[in-house]
Amino acid sequence: MSVSLLVTVALGAPQFVAAEPVDAEVARGAWDAAVACTGWEPEAADEVRIERGNVPKGFLGLASTDERGRLYRIELDATDGRSSEVIVHEVAHAWVSEGPTALVEGRAELLADCMVHERPGLAPLQWDDGRELVSMPDLRSWRAADDHGPSVNPLMRTDAYLGAARLVRLASLVLPDGALWPEADNIDWIDLDAMLADAGQPGELLRDVLRATPEVQRKALSDRDQDGLPLVGEQMLGTDPDRFDSDADGWWDGAEVPVDAVPLPFDGTPMCSGWATPASGGVAVLKTGGNLRGSPAPMPALRANDEVFLKGRVAVVGRASILVELEGDPEVVSGGLWARVHGKGLVEDDACVSDASRVVWASDPALREAVQPLAEALQKAVARAERRFGADGRRLAVQLGGTSTTVDGPVIHLSTHEVRTALRTGALDDLAYQAVAMRRVWDESAVVREWRDVVALANLLARDSRPPAVR
């Protein structure tokens, strides 16, 4: 949110002054990131004060600019816990303050996204829980100065902000880089319509949305599968609006897939990073990205030697596969998260297998030779279970090694003794049926399940694999 007043200003980066030093630090980082994103620097006051208190009309933040859009003050809601995210958005108003309200707020959100990607750790991505925008007004007629509607109605205001941000993010997919942050600043609906008209069929889809009724706008900007790609975006890309991952490759629809990165499943299933430590050990460093929004957000974690580490840098002792996973329950989020691992002393991992349907690794280095053949056996076992019972839509995560065979959250643990016995007797197929049965049986929490149920289901899958008797 921004307001305009007359102040004395100067050219260049301002000095941010705040009672909380961390607020000034975030603002300085946000300013530098915005310069990198846009390629230009706006005018601002010599000193920009950041104040915590009661922001008018219940806004989380308020950027005060003069009649030429030059920033001189940022106000923050003292009771809100998302101050860094709000500061980043309000700093963006130094670049974006002129034009229709929906375009100003949407373009500021888009710039805030770029700032966060430019400087990892600066703040979370701008909040969006994937909600239906049932209270969103006509974006074209939303005006911040009005003393009604989104200006005073919290539900309508939230939906208006989210709708504007979703719309502008979609426009950025088809417009040239930087087109929405010109130095002239002011972009109105006529300007946006002209730019979209030059963007081909995807642009025409967005033009149709903007010319439509509020009801049509709400539907077009809804996100039923919560992949961060609204309905009209799914139409632009040809993906399924009811499936988080339309092509079942493990990546959510609309994801930008970076090199050497893996997607992190929301169910907490570990994924192979592609790296391991040799016998001498090493240091693993975790980097994450993506478009995950909302609250509470799960935490990315490293897994090695049957331990989970909720920090970005870990010293690993001995030979181990390095896996990545999410810790926490993302109840109200949209989009997704990816992870990439690098570090010191790491080697390529040839004993961890993961794809959209299964993950297999060994916590016991002596069992690494069993990973690949068991992964192949699991692929057949999963296919057989799906033919009989239907797909359950989850990855099967199996860890080899340890003292007991059990289920721990999304992970099936197969003991060292059991795996060695299967290797010695040539019974890896039977072990695969057991692992699939463990997931199918023990994942049902409505009733008490017993080991005999696992045995019965595993035996059933094994019988399905045998050729029919010749009479």
Protein backbone atom coordinates (compact mmCIF):
# COMPACT_ATOMS: atom_id res chain seq x y z
CA MET A 1 0.00 0.00 0.00
CA SER A 2 1.34 3.50 -0.79
CA VAL A 3 0.27 7.09 -0.06
CA SER A 4 1.59 10.39 -1.48
CA LEU A 5 2.80 13.55 0.32
CA LEU A 6 5.23 16.36 -0.49
CA VAL A 7 8.77 16.01 0.91
CA THR A 8 12.31 17.10 0.17
CA VAL A 9 14.17 14.37 -1.68
CA ALA A 10 17.60 13.51 -3.04
CA LEU A 11 18.93 11.25 -5.79
CA GLY A 12 20.30 7.77 -5.04
CA ALA A 13 20.06 5.12 -2.36
CA PRO A 14 18.53 6.39 0.87
CA GLN A 15 19.63 5.77 4.42
CA PHE A 16 17.09 3.54 6.15
CA VAL A 17 16.56 4.42 9.82
CA ALA A 18 14.59 2.17 12.18
CA ALA A 19 14.21 1.48 15.90
CA GLU A 20 14.73 -2.21 15.07
CA PRO A 21 18.14 -2.56 13.33
CA VAL A 22 16.97 -5.67 11.48
CA ASP A 23 14.24 -3.62 9.75
CA ALA A 24 16.82 -1.22 8.33
CA GLU A 25 19.04 -4.12 7.29
CA VAL A 26 16.20 -5.82 5.39
CA ALA A 27 15.27 -2.55 3.70
CA ARG A 28 18.85 -1.91 2.56
CA GLY A 29 19.09 -5.42 1.16
CA ALA A 30 15.73 -5.01 -0.56
CA TRP A 31 16.83 -1.73 -2.17
CA ASP A 32 20.03 -3.26 -3.57
CA ALA A 33 18.10 -6.29 -4.84
CA ALA A 34 15.53 -4.07 -6.57
CA VAL A 35 18.30 -2.16 -8.35
CA ALA A 36 19.67 -5.49 -9.61
CA CYS A 37 16.19 -6.61 -10.72
CA THR A 38 15.19 -3.45 -12.59
CA GLY A 39 18.55 -2.14 -13.77
CA TRP A 40 17.77 1.39 -12.52
CA GLU A 41 17.55 3.35 -9.27
CA PRO A 42 14.72 5.72 -8.35
CA GLU A 43 14.92 8.94 -6.40
CA ALA A 44 14.10 8.77 -2.69
CA ALA A 45 14.47 10.85 0.44
CA ASP A 46 17.95 11.12 1.92
CA GLU A 47 16.54 9.32 4.96
CA VAL A 48 13.69 6.80 4.90
CA ARG A 49 12.26 6.09 8.33
CA ILE A 50 10.79 2.67 9.18
CA GLU A 51 8.24 2.93 11.97
CA ARG A 52 6.31 0.21 13.81
CA GLY A 53 2.87 1.02 15.15
CA ASN A 54 -0.80 1.01 14.23
CA VAL A 55 -1.04 1.33 10.45
CA PRO A 56 -4.21 3.08 9.22
CA LYS A 57 -7.18 0.91 8.17
CA GLY A 58 -5.50 -2.30 9.30
CA PHE A 59 -2.86 -2.50 6.56
CA LEU A 60 0.23 -4.57 7.33
CA GLY A 61 2.46 -1.89 5.84
CA LEU A 62 2.30 1.54 4.25
CA ALA A 63 4.86 3.22 1.99
CA SER A 64 4.66 7.02 1.96
CA THR A 65 5.77 8.69 -1.26
CA ASP A 66 5.55 12.27 -2.51
CA GLU A 67 3.63 13.44 -5.57
CA ARG A 68 6.41 12.10 -7.83
CA GLY A 69 6.50 8.68 -6.18
CA ARG A 70 9.65 9.21 -4.11
CA LEU A 71 9.84 7.11 -0.96
CA TYR A 72 10.36 8.78 2.43
CA ARG A 73 8.67 6.56 5.07
CA ILE A 74 7.60 2.95 5.69
CA GLU A 75 5.08 2.10 8.40
CA LEU A 76 4.72 -1.46 9.73
CA ASP A 77 2.00 -3.10 11.79
CA ALA A 78 3.70 -3.72 15.14
CA THR A 79 1.65 -6.88 15.77
CA ASP A 80 2.38 -8.66 12.48
CA GLY A 81 5.04 -11.38 12.35
CA ARG A 82 5.86 -11.03 8.64
CA SER A 83 7.80 -7.76 8.84
CA SER A 84 10.60 -8.71 6.41
CA GLU A 85 8.10 -9.74 3.75
CA VAL A 86 6.16 -6.49 4.23
CA ILE A 87 9.31 -4.33 4.15
CA VAL A 88 10.36 -5.85 0.84
CA HIS A 89 6.95 -5.05 -0.67
CA GLU A 90 6.96 -1.47 0.64
CA VAL A 91 10.51 -0.83 -0.63
CA ALA A 92 9.28 -1.98 -4.06
CA HIS A 93 6.94 1.04 -4.04
CA ALA A 94 10.00 3.25 -4.55
CA TRP A 95 10.00 1.81 -8.08
CA VAL A 96 6.26 1.26 -8.47
CA SER A 97 3.81 3.88 -7.19
CA GLU A 98 1.94 5.32 -10.17
CA GLY A 99 -1.08 3.89 -11.99
CA PRO A 100 -4.26 1.95 -11.21
CA THR A 101 -4.22 0.39 -7.74
CA ALA A 102 -4.31 -3.24 -8.92
CA LEU A 103 -1.38 -2.66 -11.28
CA VAL A 104 0.62 -0.74 -8.68
CA GLU A 105 0.17 -3.42 -6.01
CA GLY A 106 0.56 -6.32 -8.46
CA ARG A 107 3.72 -4.87 -9.99
CA ALA A 108 5.14 -4.21 -6.50
CA GLU A 109 4.48 -7.86 -5.59
CA LEU A 110 6.19 -9.01 -8.78
CA LEU A 111 9.23 -6.86 -8.02
CA ALA A 112 9.25 -8.15 -4.43
CA ASP A 113 9.38 -11.70 -5.81
CA CYS A 114 12.42 -10.79 -7.90
CA MET A 115 14.09 -9.12 -4.91
CA VAL A 116 13.69 -12.26 -2.80
CA HIS A 117 15.08 -14.47 -5.59
CA GLU A 118 17.94 -12.04 -6.14
CA ARG A 119 18.94 -12.14 -2.47
CA PRO A 120 18.08 -15.55 -0.92
CA GLY A 121 17.23 -15.33 2.77
CA LEU A 122 16.12 -11.70 2.55
CA ALA A 123 12.46 -12.58 3.21
CA PRO A 124 9.83 -15.16 2.28
CA LEU A 125 8.07 -14.84 -1.04
CA GLN A 126 4.97 -12.68 -0.90
CA TRP A 127 2.16 -14.48 0.92
CA ASP A 128 -0.56 -16.43 -0.95
CA ASP A 129 -2.35 -19.42 0.56
CA GLY A 130 -3.97 -20.42 -2.74
CA ARG A 131 -7.42 -19.35 -1.57
CA GLU A 132 -10.46 -18.86 -3.77
CA LEU A 133 -10.88 -15.13 -4.36
CA VAL A 134 -14.57 -14.99 -3.46
CA SER A 135 -14.41 -11.36 -2.26
CA MET A 136 -12.18 -9.96 -5.01
CA PRO A 137 -13.67 -6.83 -6.67
CA ASP A 138 -13.29 -5.89 -10.33
CA LEU A 139 -9.54 -5.28 -10.48
CA ARG A 140 -9.94 -2.55 -13.09
CA SER A 141 -12.12 -0.41 -10.81
CA TRP A 142 -10.18 -0.90 -7.53
CA ARG A 143 -8.91 2.46 -6.24
CA ALA A 144 -6.82 2.82 -3.08
CA ALA A 145 -8.20 6.29 -2.37
CA ASP A 146 -11.79 5.05 -2.09
CA ASP A 147 -13.15 5.00 1.44
CA HIS A 148 -15.05 1.77 0.84
CA GLY A 149 -14.51 -1.72 -0.59
CA PRO A 150 -10.94 -3.07 -0.35
CA SER A 151 -9.77 0.04 1.49
CA VAL A 152 -11.80 -0.87 4.59
CA ASN A 153 -12.99 -4.48 4.08
CA PRO A 154 -10.17 -6.85 5.16
CA LEU A 155 -11.48 -9.89 3.23
CA MET A 156 -12.02 -7.91 0.06
CA ARG A 157 -8.64 -6.23 0.45
CA THR A 158 -6.77 -9.53 0.86
CA ASP A 159 -8.46 -11.03 -2.20
CA ALA A 160 -7.82 -7.87 -4.22
CA TYR A 161 -4.09 -7.95 -3.40
CA LEU A 162 -3.81 -11.67 -4.18
CA GLY A 163 -5.77 -11.31 -7.42
CA ALA A 164 -3.67 -8.37 -8.57
CA ALA A 165 -0.45 -10.23 -7.79
CA ARG A 166 -1.60 -13.38 -9.63
CA LEU A 167 -2.65 -11.32 -12.65
CA VAL A 168 0.64 -9.42 -12.92
CA ARG A 169 2.73 -12.56 -12.41
CA LEU A 170 0.88 -14.17 -15.33
CA ALA A 171 1.45 -11.08 -17.47
CA SER A 172 5.18 -11.28 -16.69
CA LEU A 173 5.28 -14.78 -18.23
CA VAL A 174 4.47 -13.40 -21.68
CA LEU A 175 5.99 -9.89 -21.56
CA PRO A 176 9.69 -8.96 -21.97
CA ASP A 177 11.84 -8.84 -18.84
CA GLY A 178 11.49 -5.50 -17.08
CA ALA A 179 8.48 -4.40 -19.14
CA LEU A 180 6.40 -3.99 -15.99
CA TRP A 181 9.00 -1.82 -14.20
CA PRO A 182 9.73 1.04 -16.66
CA GLU A 183 11.55 4.13 -15.36
CA ALA A 184 8.52 6.19 -16.38
CA ASP A 185 6.67 4.01 -13.80
CA ASN A 186 3.06 4.73 -14.74
CA ILE A 187 1.41 1.76 -16.50
CA ASP A 188 -2.34 1.93 -16.90
CA TRP A 189 -4.86 -0.60 -18.21
CA ILE A 190 -4.58 0.73 -21.78
CA ASP A 191 -0.78 0.28 -21.65
CA LEU A 192 -1.09 -3.27 -20.31
CA ASP A 193 -3.72 -4.17 -22.90
CA ALA A 194 -1.44 -2.96 -25.70
CA MET A 195 1.51 -4.97 -24.36
CA LEU A 196 -0.60 -8.12 -24.04
CA ALA A 197 -1.95 -7.64 -27.57
CA ASP A 198 1.63 -8.04 -28.84
CA ALA A 199 2.16 -11.24 -26.82
CA GLY A 200 0.15 -13.65 -29.00
CA GLN A 201 -2.46 -16.13 -27.83
CA PRO A 202 -1.39 -16.23 -24.14
CA GLY A 203 -1.73 -12.46 -24.04
CA GLU A 204 -5.18 -12.68 -25.59
CA LEU A 205 -6.31 -14.99 -22.77
CA LEU A 206 -5.31 -12.37 -20.19
CA ARG A 207 -6.95 -9.58 -22.22
CA ASP A 208 -10.20 -11.55 -22.17
CA VAL A 209 -9.97 -11.86 -18.39
CA LEU A 210 -9.46 -8.12 -17.93
CA ARG A 211 -12.43 -7.29 -20.13
CA ALA A 212 -14.69 -9.71 -18.23
CA THR A 213 -16.93 -9.41 -15.19
CA PRO A 214 -15.58 -9.75 -11.63
CA GLU A 215 -17.06 -13.28 -11.48
CA VAL A 216 -15.05 -14.33 -14.54
CA GLN A 217 -11.91 -12.65 -13.16
CA ARG A 218 -12.27 -14.55 -9.87
CA LYS A 219 -12.60 -17.90 -11.65
CA ALA A 220 -9.72 -17.18 -14.04
CA LEU A 221 -7.42 -16.27 -11.13
CA SER A 222 -8.46 -19.21 -8.93
CA ASP A 223 -5.93 -21.98 -8.24
CA ARG A 224 -7.79 -25.20 -7.49
CA ASP A 225 -4.72 -27.44 -7.42
CA GLN A 226 -2.65 -24.86 -5.47
CA ASP A 227 0.40 -25.17 -7.69
CA GLY A 228 0.79 -21.39 -7.84
CA LEU A 229 -0.53 -21.31 -11.42
CA PRO A 230 -4.08 -19.86 -11.66
CA LEU A 231 -6.69 -21.29 -14.02
CA VAL A 232 -5.93 -18.89 -16.87
CA GLY A 233 -2.22 -19.69 -16.41
CA GLU A 234 -2.98 -23.41 -16.77
CA GLN A 235 -4.78 -22.53 -20.03
CA MET A 236 -1.79 -20.51 -21.20
CA LEU A 237 0.60 -23.43 -20.58
CA GLY A 238 -1.79 -26.25 -21.50
CA THR A 239 -1.64 -27.92 -18.08
CA ASP A 240 -4.38 -29.55 -16.00
CA PRO A 241 -5.99 -27.08 -13.54
CA ASP A 242 -6.96 -29.97 -11.25
CA ARG A 243 -3.52 -31.58 -11.00
CA PHE A 244 -0.57 -30.13 -9.08
CA ASP A 245 1.80 -32.04 -11.38
CA SER A 246 0.08 -32.56 -14.74
CA ASP A 247 2.81 -34.64 -16.39
CA ALA A 248 3.75 -36.61 -13.23
CA ASP A 249 7.43 -35.71 -13.50
CA GLY A 250 7.64 -34.64 -9.85
CA TRP A 251 7.62 -30.90 -10.64
CA TRP A 252 4.55 -28.75 -10.04
CA ASP A 253 2.92 -27.03 -13.02
CA GLY A 254 4.61 -23.79 -14.01
CA ALA A 255 7.80 -24.53 -12.07
CA GLU A 256 11.07 -23.10 -13.32
CA VAL A 257 13.38 -26.12 -13.18
CA PRO A 258 16.95 -25.15 -12.25
CA VAL A 259 19.95 -27.31 -13.11
CA ASP A 260 20.86 -30.02 -10.56
CA ALA A 261 17.79 -29.31 -8.41
CA VAL A 262 15.12 -31.71 -7.17
CA PRO A 263 11.51 -30.95 -6.19
CA LEU A 264 10.60 -31.39 -2.54
CA PRO A 265 7.35 -33.35 -1.99
CA PHE A 266 4.93 -31.87 0.54
CA ASP A 267 4.46 -35.26 2.21
CA GLY A 268 8.00 -35.14 3.62
CA THR A 269 9.34 -37.89 1.36
CA PRO A 270 13.15 -37.63 1.10
CA MET A 271 14.61 -37.16 -2.38
CA CYS A 272 18.09 -38.05 -3.60
CA SER A 273 20.20 -34.93 -4.05
CA GLY A 274 22.52 -36.66 -6.50
CA TRP A 275 25.45 -36.34 -4.07
CA ALA A 276 27.07 -38.48 -1.39
CA THR A 277 30.04 -38.29 0.93
CA PRO A 278 32.96 -40.71 0.56
CA ALA A 279 34.28 -42.74 3.49
CA SER A 280 36.32 -39.72 4.61
CA GLY A 281 33.13 -37.64 5.00
CA GLY A 282 32.35 -34.17 3.71
CA VAL A 283 30.27 -31.01 4.07
CA ALA A 284 26.84 -30.65 2.45
CA VAL A 285 25.29 -27.22 1.81
CA LEU A 286 21.58 -26.89 1.03
CA LYS A 287 20.08 -24.19 -1.20
CA THR A 288 16.34 -23.93 -1.85
CA GLY A 289 14.08 -21.96 -4.15
CA GLY A 290 10.79 -22.16 -5.99
CA ASN A 291 7.47 -20.36 -5.64
CA LEU A 292 6.19 -21.64 -2.30
CA ARG A 293 3.90 -19.12 -0.59
CA GLY A 294 1.64 -19.10 2.44
CA SER A 295 1.87 -19.98 6.10
CA PRO A 296 2.96 -22.02 7.91
CA ALA A 297 5.64 -23.03 5.44
CA PRO A 298 7.55 -26.32 5.89
CA MET A 299 11.30 -26.25 6.49
CA PRO A 300 13.80 -27.75 4.04
CA ALA A 301 16.12 -30.30 5.62
CA LEU A 302 19.12 -32.51 4.84
CA ARG A 303 19.10 -36.25 5.59
CA ALA A 304 22.26 -38.36 5.93
CA ASN A 305 23.16 -41.45 7.97
CA ASP A 306 19.54 -41.76 9.15
CA GLU A 307 19.65 -38.26 10.69
CA VAL A 308 17.65 -35.19 9.64
CA PHE A 309 19.30 -31.76 9.89
CA LEU A 310 17.20 -28.57 9.90
CA LYS A 311 20.05 -26.35 8.81
CA GLY A 312 21.63 -25.42 5.53
CA ARG A 313 25.20 -26.64 6.17
CA VAL A 314 26.07 -30.02 7.67
CA ALA A 315 29.32 -31.90 8.26
CA VAL A 316 28.69 -35.57 7.44
CA VAL A 317 30.89 -38.28 8.93
CA GLY A 318 31.57 -41.36 6.80
CA ARG A 319 30.06 -42.62 3.56
CA ALA A 320 26.44 -41.56 3.10
CA SER A 321 23.87 -40.57 0.53
CA ILE A 322 22.72 -36.95 0.92
CA LEU A 323 18.96 -36.54 0.66
CA VAL A 324 16.69 -33.52 0.92
CA GLU A 325 13.17 -33.27 2.32
CA LEU A 326 10.58 -30.97 3.88
CA GLU A 327 9.83 -30.95 7.60
CA GLY A 328 6.41 -29.65 8.61
CA ASP A 329 2.83 -29.69 7.38
CA PRO A 330 2.08 -27.15 4.62
CA GLU A 331 -1.60 -26.72 5.39
CA VAL A 332 -2.18 -23.38 3.66
CA VAL A 333 0.41 -22.87 0.93
CA SER A 334 0.54 -22.65 -2.83
CA GLY A 335 3.36 -23.36 -5.26
CA GLY A 336 6.31 -25.60 -4.52
CA LEU A 337 9.92 -25.76 -3.34
CA TRP A 338 13.08 -27.21 -4.86
CA ALA A 339 16.47 -28.02 -3.34
CA ARG A 340 20.04 -28.15 -4.59
CA VAL A 341 23.05 -29.52 -2.70
CA HIS A 342 26.71 -28.61 -3.06
CA GLY A 343 29.64 -28.64 -0.64
CA LYS A 344 33.11 -29.94 0.04
CA GLY A 345 34.32 -33.50 -0.52
CA LEU A 346 31.09 -34.64 -2.16
CA VAL A 347 30.96 -37.30 -4.88
CA GLU A 348 28.25 -38.28 -7.33
CA ASP A 349 25.84 -40.70 -5.69
CA ASP A 350 25.27 -43.96 -7.55
CA ALA A 351 23.41 -45.64 -4.67
CA CYS A 352 20.29 -43.50 -4.28
CA VAL A 353 17.37 -43.81 -6.69
CA SER A 354 14.45 -41.36 -6.82
CA ASP A 355 11.78 -40.43 -9.31
CA ALA A 356 8.12 -39.42 -9.25
CA SER A 357 7.04 -42.79 -7.77
CA ARG A 358 9.83 -44.16 -5.54
CA VAL A 359 12.95 -43.31 -3.53
CA VAL A 360 15.45 -45.93 -2.34
CA TRP A 361 18.71 -45.43 -0.47
CA ALA A 362 20.93 -47.17 2.08
CA SER A 363 21.80 -45.78 5.51
CA ASP A 364 24.09 -48.80 5.92
CA PRO A 365 26.99 -48.38 3.43
CA ALA A 366 27.31 -52.17 3.21
CA LEU A 367 23.84 -52.32 1.59
CA ARG A 368 24.49 -49.80 -1.19
CA GLU A 369 24.78 -52.64 -3.72
CA ALA A 370 21.16 -53.59 -2.96
CA VAL A 371 19.69 -50.16 -3.79
CA GLN A 372 19.45 -50.46 -7.57
CA PRO A 373 18.08 -54.04 -7.75
CA LEU A 374 15.54 -53.32 -4.99
CA ALA A 375 14.47 -50.13 -6.76
CA GLU A 376 13.78 -52.19 -9.89
CA ALA A 377 11.83 -54.75 -7.86
CA LEU A 378 9.83 -51.96 -6.21
CA GLN A 379 8.90 -50.51 -9.58
CA LYS A 380 7.29 -53.83 -10.54
CA ALA A 381 5.66 -54.23 -7.12
CA VAL A 382 4.16 -50.73 -7.22
CA ALA A 383 2.80 -51.33 -10.72
CA ARG A 384 1.20 -54.59 -9.58
CA ALA A 385 -0.41 -52.94 -6.55
CA GLU A 386 -1.75 -50.12 -8.72
CA ARG A 387 -3.29 -52.56 -11.20
CA ARG A 388 -5.15 -54.30 -8.38
CA PHE A 389 -5.97 -51.40 -6.02
CA GLY A 390 -5.44 -48.23 -8.07
CA ALA A 391 -2.77 -45.55 -7.73
CA ASP A 392 -2.39 -43.91 -4.32
CA GLY A 393 -0.53 -40.84 -5.63
CA ARG A 394 2.41 -41.04 -3.23
CA ARG A 395 6.08 -41.82 -3.62
CA LEU A 396 7.29 -45.00 -1.97
CA ALA A 397 10.33 -44.11 0.15
CA VAL A 398 12.46 -47.03 1.34
CA GLN A 399 15.58 -46.84 3.48
CA LEU A 400 17.86 -49.87 3.73
CA GLY A 401 19.64 -50.44 7.02
CA GLY A 402 19.09 -50.28 10.75
CA THR A 403 18.06 -52.67 13.48
CA SER A 404 14.31 -52.88 12.80
CA THR A 405 11.80 -52.97 9.96
CA THR A 406 9.15 -50.32 10.48
CA VAL A 407 7.36 -47.26 9.10
CA ASP A 408 8.43 -43.78 10.19
CA GLY A 409 6.23 -41.11 8.62
CA PRO A 410 6.65 -41.36 4.85
CA VAL A 411 9.70 -43.67 5.08
CA ILE A 412 9.70 -47.49 5.07
CA HIS A 413 12.72 -48.82 7.00
CA LEU A 414 14.00 -52.27 6.04
CA SER A 415 16.48 -53.68 8.56
CA THR A 416 20.04 -54.61 7.65
CA HIS A 417 19.33 -58.25 8.59
CA GLU A 418 16.25 -58.46 6.39
CA VAL A 419 17.95 -56.92 3.36
CA ARG A 420 21.01 -59.17 3.71
CA THR A 421 18.76 -62.22 3.97
CA ALA A 422 16.87 -61.21 0.82
CA LEU A 423 20.15 -60.70 -1.06
CA ARG A 424 21.46 -64.09 0.07
CA THR A 425 18.29 -65.99 -0.79
CA GLY A 426 17.38 -64.10 -3.95
CA ALA A 427 14.15 -62.81 -2.39
CA LEU A 428 14.36 -59.09 -3.28
CA ASP A 429 11.02 -59.33 -5.14
CA ASP A 430 9.34 -60.59 -1.98
CA LEU A 431 10.96 -57.80 0.02
CA ALA A 432 9.61 -55.28 -2.50
CA TYR A 433 6.07 -56.68 -2.12
CA GLN A 434 6.46 -56.36 1.66
CA ALA A 435 7.56 -52.71 1.39
CA VAL A 436 4.59 -51.85 -0.83
CA ALA A 437 2.26 -53.68 1.56
CA MET A 438 3.70 -51.79 4.54
CA ARG A 439 2.92 -48.48 2.89
CA ARG A 440 -0.56 -49.53 1.79
CA VAL A 441 -1.49 -51.03 5.17
CA TRP A 442 0.19 -48.77 7.71
CA ASP A 443 -0.72 -45.53 5.96
CA GLU A 444 -4.38 -46.18 6.75
CA SER A 445 -4.83 -44.47 10.13
CA ALA A 446 -8.60 -44.91 10.51
CA VAL A 447 -8.26 -48.36 12.06
CA VAL A 448 -5.57 -50.35 13.83
CA ARG A 449 -3.44 -52.36 11.44
CA GLU A 450 -1.30 -55.35 12.31
CA TRP A 451 1.74 -57.04 10.79
CA ARG A 452 -0.41 -59.96 9.66
CA ASP A 453 -2.23 -57.54 7.34
CA VAL A 454 1.11 -56.63 5.76
CA VAL A 455 1.99 -60.30 5.30
CA ALA A 456 -1.39 -61.08 3.76
CA LEU A 457 -1.18 -58.19 1.26
CA ALA A 458 2.44 -59.02 0.34
CA ASN A 459 1.48 -62.65 -0.30
CA LEU A 460 -1.43 -61.50 -2.46
CA LEU A 461 0.85 -59.32 -4.60
CA ALA A 462 3.35 -62.19 -4.88
CA ARG A 463 0.60 -64.55 -6.09
CA ASP A 464 -0.45 -61.98 -8.70
CA SER A 465 3.08 -62.14 -10.10
CA ARG A 466 3.02 -65.88 -10.73
CA PRO A 467 1.94 -67.19 -14.14
CA PRO A 468 -1.38 -69.03 -14.16
CA ALA A 469 -1.20 -72.79 -13.68
CA VAL A 470 -1.43 -74.90 -16.84
CA ARG A 471 -4.30 -77.36 -16.72
